[in-house]
Amino acid sequence: MEIRRESLVRVTKEADLSESELSLIEQARHAADMAYAPYSKFHVGSALQLSDGAIVLGNNQENAAYPSGLCAERVAIFAAKANHPNKCINEIMIVVKTDKALKQGFTPPCGSCLQVLWDVQNRQKSPIKIHVQSPDKTLYSVENVNQFLPFGFEL
């Protein structure tokens, strides 16, 4: 038996985005500007849009006692669920600001962040769209977490 899952990633430029997507990008950029990343120099900001339209921001927070820091996505997700436990997360916009070369042009969320997103998506029984803007301002989007993490951990 063989199980195959493929990812469909939409690639767009900023000029082709809706006003709400542009607003979410601006907020994620602002969050990235506030990131604490003195070690990696990899500034990441995230902006979550909840089912009631509320926006929750997050950014990466590094720590000298690596790996005690936390990624921008999980900062925003945990803040959203702590402060709005009954709201669904509709989408997350992630902006990466770095001078480092990115091998595939963009940086999707790490495995830990994807697992957290996967778990929240399953609990809320509705998809979470993920958008990642690369340093060259290209936007990479998927319709749900399963596109980046097809086999999440579940008990």
C-alpha atoms as a PDB file:
ATOM      1  CA  MET A   1       0.000   0.000   0.000  1.00  0.00           C
ATOM      2  CA  GLU A   2       1.151   3.524  -0.733  1.00  0.00           C
ATOM      3  CA  ILE A   3      -0.110   6.762   0.752  1.00  0.00           C
ATOM      4  CA  ARG A   4       0.633   9.915  -1.190  1.00  0.00           C
ATOM      5  CA  ARG A   5      -0.058  13.475  -0.201  1.00  0.00           C
ATOM      6  CA  GLU A   6       1.070  16.454  -2.188  1.00  0.00           C
ATOM      7  CA  SER A   7       1.252  20.127  -1.295  1.00  0.00           C
ATOM      8  CA  LEU A   8      -0.342  22.827  -3.368  1.00  0.00           C
ATOM      9  CA  VAL A   9       1.290  26.161  -2.631  1.00  0.00           C
ATOM     10  CA  ARG A  10      -0.116  29.311  -4.238  1.00  0.00           C
ATOM     11  CA  VAL A  11       2.570  31.842  -5.169  1.00  0.00           C
ATOM     12  CA  THR A  12       1.527  35.489  -5.552  1.00  0.00           C
ATOM     13  CA  LYS A  13       2.986  38.968  -5.543  1.00  0.00           C
ATOM     14  CA  GLU A  14       1.891  41.711  -3.183  1.00  0.00           C
ATOM     15  CA  ALA A  15       0.118  43.630  -5.956  1.00  0.00           C
ATOM     16  CA  ASP A  16      -2.349  40.732  -6.360  1.00  0.00           C
ATOM     17  CA  LEU A  17      -3.470  40.583  -2.723  1.00  0.00           C
ATOM     18  CA  SER A  18      -6.746  41.643  -1.166  1.00  0.00           C
ATOM     19  CA  GLU A  19      -6.922  44.599   1.213  1.00  0.00           C
ATOM     20  CA  SER A  20      -7.358  42.268   4.196  1.00  0.00           C
ATOM     21  CA  GLU A  21      -4.274  40.249   3.184  1.00  0.00           C
ATOM     22  CA  LEU A  22      -2.275  43.467   2.768  1.00  0.00           C
ATOM     23  CA  SER A  23      -3.379  44.633   6.205  1.00  0.00           C
ATOM     24  CA  LEU A  24      -2.363  41.296   7.726  1.00  0.00           C
ATOM     25  CA  ILE A  25       1.061  41.528   6.036  1.00  0.00           C
ATOM     26  CA  GLU A  26       1.606  45.032   7.405  1.00  0.00           C
ATOM     27  CA  GLN A  27       0.798  43.856  10.913  1.00  0.00           C
ATOM     28  CA  ALA A  28       3.086  40.815  10.566  1.00  0.00           C
ATOM     29  CA  ARG A  29       5.881  43.100   9.296  1.00  0.00           C
ATOM     30  CA  HIS A  30       5.412  45.329  12.319  1.00  0.00           C
ATOM     31  CA  ALA A  31       5.603  42.259  14.570  1.00  0.00           C
ATOM     32  CA  ALA A  32       8.815  41.143  12.799  1.00  0.00           C
ATOM     33  CA  ASP A  33      10.335  44.555  13.457  1.00  0.00           C
ATOM     34  CA  MET A  34       9.787  43.963  17.181  1.00  0.00           C
ATOM     35  CA  ALA A  35      11.266  40.431  17.196  1.00  0.00           C
ATOM     36  CA  TYR A  36      14.118  39.679  19.566  1.00  0.00           C
ATOM     37  CA  ALA A  37      16.614  37.813  17.378  1.00  0.00           C
ATOM     38  CA  PRO A  38      20.149  38.907  18.348  1.00  0.00           C
ATOM     39  CA  TYR A  39      21.622  35.453  17.718  1.00  0.00           C
ATOM     40  CA  SER A  40      20.075  34.278  14.454  1.00  0.00           C
ATOM     41  CA  LYS A  41      19.424  37.720  12.915  1.00  0.00           C
ATOM     42  CA  PHE A  42      16.299  36.021  11.557  1.00  0.00           C
ATOM     43  CA  HIS A  43      13.337  38.283  12.393  1.00  0.00           C
ATOM     44  CA  VAL A  44       9.932  36.687  12.066  1.00  0.00           C
ATOM     45  CA  GLY A  45       6.547  38.258  12.680  1.00  0.00           C
ATOM     46  CA  SER A  46       3.138  36.661  12.582  1.00  0.00           C
ATOM     47  CA  ALA A  47      -0.393  37.996  12.523  1.00  0.00           C
ATOM     48  CA  LEU A  48      -3.332  35.687  13.183  1.00  0.00           C
ATOM     49  CA  GLN A  49      -6.841  36.559  12.125  1.00  0.00           C
ATOM     50  CA  LEU A  50      -9.493  35.078  14.370  1.00  0.00           C
ATOM     51  CA  SER A  51     -13.050  34.159  13.439  1.00  0.00           C
ATOM     52  CA  ASP A  52     -14.379  37.431  14.898  1.00  0.00           C
ATOM     53  CA  GLY A  53     -11.883  39.490  12.857  1.00  0.00           C
ATOM     54  CA  ALA A  54      -9.535  40.155  15.788  1.00  0.00           C
ATOM     55  CA  ILE A  55      -5.823  40.152  14.984  1.00  0.00           C
ATOM     56  CA  VAL A  56      -3.228  38.646  17.328  1.00  0.00           C
ATOM     57  CA  LEU A  57       0.467  39.335  16.755  1.00  0.00           C
ATOM     58  CA  GLY A  58       3.542  37.294  17.578  1.00  0.00           C
ATOM     59  CA  ASN A  59       7.264  37.444  16.891  1.00  0.00           C
ATOM     60  CA  ASN A  60      10.222  35.231  17.566  1.00  0.00           C
ATOM     61  CA  GLN A  61      11.820  35.613  20.975  1.00  0.00           C
ATOM     62  CA  GLU A  62      15.327  34.198  21.221  1.00  0.00           C
ATOM     63  CA  ASN A  63      17.137  33.423  24.453  1.00  0.00           C
ATOM     64  CA  ALA A  64      20.809  32.959  25.294  1.00  0.00           C
ATOM     65  CA  ALA A  65      19.846  29.617  26.828  1.00  0.00           C
ATOM     66  CA  TYR A  66      18.990  28.081  23.464  1.00  0.00           C
ATOM     67  CA  PRO A  67      16.422  26.508  22.808  1.00  0.00           C
ATOM     68  CA  SER A  68      14.451  28.446  25.422  1.00  0.00           C
ATOM     69  CA  GLY A  69      13.181  30.954  22.842  1.00  0.00           C
ATOM     70  CA  LEU A  70       9.969  30.615  20.894  1.00  0.00           C
ATOM     71  CA  CYS A  71       8.925  31.051  17.268  1.00  0.00           C
ATOM     72  CA  ALA A  72       6.641  33.874  16.127  1.00  0.00           C
ATOM     73  CA  GLU A  73       3.870  31.492  15.120  1.00  0.00           C
ATOM     74  CA  ARG A  74       3.614  29.787  18.510  1.00  0.00           C
ATOM     75  CA  VAL A  75       3.845  33.117  20.355  1.00  0.00           C
ATOM     76  CA  ALA A  76       0.764  34.302  18.425  1.00  0.00           C
ATOM     77  CA  ILE A  77      -1.123  30.988  18.645  1.00  0.00           C
ATOM     78  CA  PHE A  78      -0.636  30.635  22.393  1.00  0.00           C
ATOM     79  CA  ALA A  79      -1.572  34.291  22.975  1.00  0.00           C
ATOM     80  CA  ALA A  80      -4.697  33.838  20.844  1.00  0.00           C
ATOM     81  CA  LYS A  81      -5.794  30.696  22.639  1.00  0.00           C
ATOM     82  CA  ALA A  82      -5.004  32.162  26.078  1.00  0.00           C
ATOM     83  CA  ASN A  83      -6.980  35.348  25.416  1.00  0.00           C
ATOM     84  CA  HIS A  84      -9.628  34.144  22.942  1.00  0.00           C
ATOM     85  CA  PRO A  85     -10.089  30.436  23.760  1.00  0.00           C
ATOM     86  CA  ASN A  86     -13.428  30.077  21.975  1.00  0.00           C
ATOM     87  CA  LYS A  87     -12.422  31.807  18.737  1.00  0.00           C
ATOM     88  CA  CYS A  88     -11.177  29.922  15.685  1.00  0.00           C
ATOM     89  CA  ILE A  89      -7.976  30.895  13.939  1.00  0.00           C
ATOM     90  CA  ASN A  90      -8.868  31.549  10.289  1.00  0.00           C
ATOM     91  CA  GLU A  91      -5.422  32.347   8.928  1.00  0.00           C
ATOM     92  CA  ILE A  92      -1.885  33.229   9.837  1.00  0.00           C
ATOM     93  CA  MET A  93       0.407  35.616   7.982  1.00  0.00           C
ATOM     94  CA  ILE A  94       4.128  35.118   8.547  1.00  0.00           C
ATOM     95  CA  VAL A  95       6.770  37.617   7.462  1.00  0.00           C
ATOM     96  CA  VAL A  96      10.463  36.767   7.458  1.00  0.00           C
ATOM     97  CA  LYS A  97      13.060  39.538   7.530  1.00  0.00           C
ATOM     98  CA  THR A  98      16.617  38.366   7.054  1.00  0.00           C
ATOM     99  CA  ASP A  99      19.682  39.009   4.943  1.00  0.00           C
ATOM    100  CA  LYS A 100      20.382  35.275   4.787  1.00  0.00           C
ATOM    101  CA  ALA A 101      19.807  33.357   1.558  1.00  0.00           C
ATOM    102  CA  LEU A 102      16.769  31.077   1.724  1.00  0.00           C
ATOM    103  CA  LYS A 103      17.308  27.786  -0.109  1.00  0.00           C
ATOM    104  CA  GLN A 104      13.754  27.414  -1.404  1.00  0.00           C
ATOM    105  CA  GLY A 105      12.907  31.121  -1.570  1.00  0.00           C
ATOM    106  CA  PHE A 106      10.719  31.114   1.542  1.00  0.00           C
ATOM    107  CA  THR A 107      10.694  29.657   5.018  1.00  0.00           C
ATOM    108  CA  PRO A 108       7.578  27.732   6.016  1.00  0.00           C
ATOM    109  CA  PRO A 109       6.835  27.324   9.725  1.00  0.00           C
ATOM    110  CA  CYS A 110       9.089  24.881  11.560  1.00  0.00           C
ATOM    111  CA  GLY A 111       7.879  21.399  12.474  1.00  0.00           C
ATOM    112  CA  SER A 112       6.976  22.376  16.049  1.00  0.00           C
ATOM    113  CA  CYS A 113       4.879  25.322  14.864  1.00  0.00           C
ATOM    114  CA  LEU A 114       3.196  23.208  12.207  1.00  0.00           C
ATOM    115  CA  GLN A 115       2.319  20.557  14.788  1.00  0.00           C
ATOM    116  CA  VAL A 116       0.738  23.204  17.047  1.00  0.00           C
ATOM    117  CA  LEU A 117      -1.184  24.658  14.088  1.00  0.00           C
ATOM    118  CA  TRP A 118      -2.231  21.139  13.037  1.00  0.00           C
ATOM    119  CA  ASP A 119      -3.551  20.384  16.521  1.00  0.00           C
ATOM    120  CA  VAL A 120      -5.491  23.678  16.724  1.00  0.00           C
ATOM    121  CA  GLN A 121      -6.921  23.145  13.235  1.00  0.00           C
ATOM    122  CA  ASN A 122      -8.169  19.691  14.244  1.00  0.00           C
ATOM    123  CA  ARG A 123      -9.636  20.929  17.546  1.00  0.00           C
ATOM    124  CA  GLN A 124     -11.511  23.792  15.913  1.00  0.00           C
ATOM    125  CA  LYS A 125     -12.620  21.584  12.997  1.00  0.00           C
ATOM    126  CA  SER A 126     -11.924  24.310  10.440  1.00  0.00           C
ATOM    127  CA  PRO A 127      -8.905  24.964   8.241  1.00  0.00           C
ATOM    128  CA  ILE A 128      -6.192  27.477   9.050  1.00  0.00           C
ATOM    129  CA  LYS A 129      -4.765  29.199   5.978  1.00  0.00           C
ATOM    130  CA  ILE A 130      -1.019  29.827   6.139  1.00  0.00           C
ATOM    131  CA  HIS A 131       0.667  32.657   4.246  1.00  0.00           C
ATOM    132  CA  VAL A 132       4.423  33.195   4.313  1.00  0.00           C
ATOM    133  CA  GLN A 133       5.986  36.290   2.787  1.00  0.00           C
ATOM    134  CA  SER A 134       9.611  35.921   1.751  1.00  0.00           C
ATOM    135  CA  PRO A 135      12.163  38.743   2.007  1.00  0.00           C
ATOM    136  CA  ASP A 136      11.602  39.508  -1.712  1.00  0.00           C
ATOM    137  CA  LYS A 137       7.878  40.051  -0.904  1.00  0.00           C
ATOM    138  CA  THR A 138       6.603  36.965  -2.716  1.00  0.00           C
ATOM    139  CA  LEU A 139       3.702  35.373  -0.851  1.00  0.00           C
ATOM    140  CA  TYR A 140       3.432  31.593  -0.500  1.00  0.00           C
ATOM    141  CA  SER A 141       0.014  30.365   0.684  1.00  0.00           C
ATOM    142  CA  VAL A 142      -1.674  27.090   1.528  1.00  0.00           C
ATOM    143  CA  GLU A 143      -5.348  26.530   2.312  1.00  0.00           C
ATOM    144  CA  ASN A 144      -4.756  24.459   5.448  1.00  0.00           C
ATOM    145  CA  VAL A 145      -2.002  23.187   7.697  1.00  0.00           C
ATOM    146  CA  ASN A 146      -2.092  19.720   6.118  1.00  0.00           C
ATOM    147  CA  GLN A 147      -0.429  21.146   3.007  1.00  0.00           C
ATOM    148  CA  PHE A 148       2.773  21.733   5.000  1.00  0.00           C
ATOM    149  CA  LEU A 149       2.260  18.918   7.523  1.00  0.00           C
ATOM    150  CA  PRO A 150       0.299  16.065   5.932  1.00  0.00           C
ATOM    151  CA  PHE A 151       0.832  13.635   8.824  1.00  0.00           C
ATOM    152  CA  GLY A 152       0.627  15.412  12.161  1.00  0.00           C
ATOM    153  CA  PHE A 153       0.956  13.666  15.510  1.00  0.00           C
ATOM    154  CA  GLU A 154      -2.353  12.729  17.078  1.00  0.00           C
ATOM    155  CA  LEU A 155      -3.413  10.515  19.988  1.00  0.00           C
END
